[in-house]
C-alpha atoms as a PDB file:
ATOM      1  CA  MET A   1      -1.274   0.234  10.727  1.00  0.00           C
ATOM      2  CA  THR A   2       0.475  -2.740  12.587  1.00  0.00           C
ATOM      3  CA  LEU A   3      -0.501  -6.990  12.080  1.00  0.00           C
ATOM      4  CA  GLY A   4      -1.408  -6.489  15.501  1.00  0.00           C
ATOM      5  CA  GLN A   5      -4.190  -3.952  14.802  1.00  0.00           C
ATOM      6  CA  LYS A   6      -5.092  -5.381  11.129  1.00  0.00           C
ATOM      7  CA  ILE A   7      -6.091  -9.457  13.012  1.00  0.00           C
ATOM      8  CA  LYS A   8      -7.608  -7.332  16.104  1.00  0.00           C
ATOM      9  CA  GLU A   9      -9.799  -5.105  13.019  1.00  0.00           C
ATOM     10  CA  LEU A  10     -10.547  -8.350  11.069  1.00  0.00           C
ATOM     11  CA  ARG A  11     -11.956 -10.313  14.329  1.00  0.00           C
ATOM     12  CA  GLU A  12     -14.195  -7.185  15.796  1.00  0.00           C
ATOM     13  CA  SER A  13     -15.591  -6.828  12.125  1.00  0.00           C
ATOM     14  CA  ASN A  14     -16.626 -10.928  12.153  1.00  0.00           C
ATOM     15  CA  GLY A  15     -17.878 -10.353  15.140  1.00  0.00           C
ATOM     16  CA  MET A  16     -15.765 -13.729  17.063  1.00  0.00           C
ATOM     17  CA  PHE A  17     -14.122 -13.010  20.656  1.00  0.00           C
ATOM     18  CA  GLN A  18      -9.653 -13.182  21.363  1.00  0.00           C
ATOM     19  CA  ARG A  19     -11.089 -16.548  22.475  1.00  0.00           C
ATOM     20  CA  GLN A  20     -12.300 -17.904  19.090  1.00  0.00           C
ATOM     21  CA  LEU A  21      -9.538 -16.989  17.267  1.00  0.00           C
ATOM     22  CA  ALA A  22      -6.945 -18.298  20.137  1.00  0.00           C
ATOM     23  CA  SER A  23      -8.679 -20.913  19.338  1.00  0.00           C
ATOM     24  CA  ILE A  24      -8.458 -21.600  15.514  1.00  0.00           C
ATOM     25  CA  LEU A  25      -5.147 -20.339  15.785  1.00  0.00           C
ATOM     26  CA  GLU A  26      -4.065 -22.449  19.054  1.00  0.00           C
ATOM     27  CA  ILE A  27      -2.706 -19.925  20.745  1.00  0.00           C
ATOM     28  CA  GLY A  28      -3.909 -18.482  24.008  1.00  0.00           C
ATOM     29  CA  ASP A  29      -5.647 -15.829  24.406  1.00  0.00           C
ATOM     30  CA  GLY A  30      -4.101 -13.902  26.697  1.00  0.00           C
ATOM     31  CA  PHE A  31      -1.118 -14.259  23.930  1.00  0.00           C
ATOM     32  CA  LEU A  32      -3.253 -13.350  20.982  1.00  0.00           C
ATOM     33  CA  SER A  33      -4.125  -9.518  22.909  1.00  0.00           C
ATOM     34  CA  LYS A  34      -0.189  -9.481  23.507  1.00  0.00           C
ATOM     35  CA  VAL A  35      -0.603 -10.100  19.414  1.00  0.00           C
ATOM     36  CA  GLU A  36      -3.140  -7.232  19.120  1.00  0.00           C
ATOM     37  CA  SER A  37      -1.792  -4.554  21.209  1.00  0.00           C
ATOM     38  CA  ASP A  38       1.754  -5.985  19.317  1.00  0.00           C
ATOM     39  CA  GLN A  39       3.329  -6.910  22.152  1.00  0.00           C
ATOM     40  CA  LYS A  40       4.215 -10.346  21.674  1.00  0.00           C
ATOM     41  CA  PRO A  41       5.143 -11.043  17.141  1.00  0.00           C
ATOM     42  CA  LEU A  42       3.165 -14.391  15.851  1.00  0.00           C
ATOM     43  CA  LYS A  43       4.891 -17.134  13.633  1.00  0.00           C
ATOM     44  CA  ARG A  44       4.466 -16.534  10.219  1.00  0.00           C
ATOM     45  CA  GLU A  45       2.438 -20.217   9.854  1.00  0.00           C
ATOM     46  CA  HIS A  46      -0.940 -18.581  11.661  1.00  0.00           C
ATOM     47  CA  LEU A  47      -0.869 -15.887   8.727  1.00  0.00           C
ATOM     48  CA  LYS A  48      -2.613 -18.451   6.093  1.00  0.00           C
ATOM     49  CA  THR A  49      -5.244 -18.865   9.068  1.00  0.00           C
ATOM     50  CA  ILE A  50      -5.612 -16.101   9.382  1.00  0.00           C
ATOM     51  CA  SER A  51      -6.567 -15.302   5.851  1.00  0.00           C
ATOM     52  CA  GLU A  52      -8.055 -18.638   4.982  1.00  0.00           C
ATOM     53  CA  THR A  53     -10.476 -17.748   8.672  1.00  0.00           C
ATOM     54  CA  PHE A  54     -11.746 -14.516   7.173  1.00  0.00           C
ATOM     55  CA  ASN A  55     -11.054 -14.543   3.577  1.00  0.00           C
ATOM     56  CA  CYS A  56      -8.524 -11.603   3.274  1.00  0.00           C
ATOM     57  CA  SER A  57      -5.102 -11.015   1.343  1.00  0.00           C
ATOM     58  CA  PHE A  58      -1.584 -13.596   2.947  1.00  0.00           C
ATOM     59  CA  SER A  59      -0.277 -11.125   1.216  1.00  0.00           C
ATOM     60  CA  GLU A  60      -0.904  -7.729   2.949  1.00  0.00           C
ATOM     61  CA  LEU A  61      -1.039  -9.889   6.414  1.00  0.00           C
ATOM     62  CA  GLU A  62       2.574 -10.215   4.999  1.00  0.00           C
ATOM     63  CA  ALA A  63       3.485  -7.137   4.088  1.00  0.00           C
ATOM     64  CA  LEU A  64       3.472  -6.322   7.683  1.00  0.00           C
ATOM     65  CA  TRP A  65       4.451  -9.532   9.172  1.00  0.00           C
ATOM     66  CA  ILE A  66       7.177  -9.089   7.505  1.00  0.00           C
ATOM     67  CA  GLY A  67       7.501  -4.673   8.751  1.00  0.00           C
ATOM     68  CA  SER A  68       6.976  -5.452  12.054  1.00  0.00           C
ATOM     69  CA  LYS A  69      10.303  -7.092  11.597  1.00  0.00           C
ATOM     70  CA  VAL A  70      12.047  -4.892  10.867  1.00  0.00           C
ATOM     71  CA  TYR A  71      11.166  -2.540  11.951  1.00  0.00           C
ATOM     72  CA  ASP A  72      11.484  -4.541  15.346  1.00  0.00           C
ATOM     73  CA  ILE A  73      15.422  -4.003  13.686  1.00  0.00           C
ATOM     74  CA  VAL A  74      15.301  -0.349  12.672  1.00  0.00           C
ATOM     75  CA  LYS A  75      13.362   1.144  16.200  1.00  0.00           C
ATOM     76  CA  ASP A  76      16.180   2.136  18.436  1.00  0.00           C
ATOM     77  CA  GLU A  77      19.062   2.607  15.796  1.00  0.00           C
ATOM     78  CA  LYS A  78      20.038   6.287  15.811  1.00  0.00           C
ATOM     79  CA  GLU A  79      20.494   5.579  11.862  1.00  0.00           C
ATOM     80  CA  GLY A  80      17.307   3.418  11.774  1.00  0.00           C
ATOM     81  CA  LEU A  81      15.462   5.284   9.606  1.00  0.00           C
ATOM     82  CA  ASN A  82      18.535   5.810   6.440  1.00  0.00           C
ATOM     83  CA  ALA A  83      19.193   2.185   6.896  1.00  0.00           C
ATOM     84  CA  LEU A  84      15.559   1.340   5.752  1.00  0.00           C
ATOM     85  CA  LYS A  85      16.039   4.290   3.058  1.00  0.00           C
ATOM     86  CA  VAL A  86      18.971   2.511   1.799  1.00  0.00           C
ATOM     87  CA  ALA A  87      17.669  -1.024   2.152  1.00  0.00           C
ATOM     88  CA  GLU A  88      14.803   0.753   0.255  1.00  0.00           C
ATOM     89  CA  LYS A  89      17.308   1.621  -2.859  1.00  0.00           C
ATOM     90  CA  GLN A  90      18.618  -1.906  -2.992  1.00  0.00           C
ATOM     91  CA  MET A  91      15.335  -3.485  -3.045  1.00  0.00           C
ATOM     92  CA  LYS A  92      14.637  -1.708  -5.945  1.00  0.00           C
ATOM     93  CA  TYR A  93      18.320  -2.000  -7.617  1.00  0.00           C
ATOM     94  CA  GLU A  94      17.593  -5.778  -7.381  1.00  0.00           C
ATOM     95  CA  LYS A  95      14.622  -5.948  -8.460  1.00  0.00           C
ATOM     96  CA  LYS A  96      15.491  -4.577 -12.200  1.00  0.00           C
END
């Protein structure tokens, strides 16, 4: 699941229109539409507002946000998947 998909799911399951959430986030509803379809990135500071609005995990939203950023970096790279594996090993090594 992408961040955009998660935001759309949260919004719809709470019976909220895009224009309502866009107003809460102080962004345009057209921009929110693009966020939900993963065409535009959302600012990190919006995650807290979304978490509070829908009473959901900030950590989950942040992980999806970071994942989107990482994906944007490696998606067109021939060795993108291998680079992710290397990064995962480095993360595990750093946590020891």
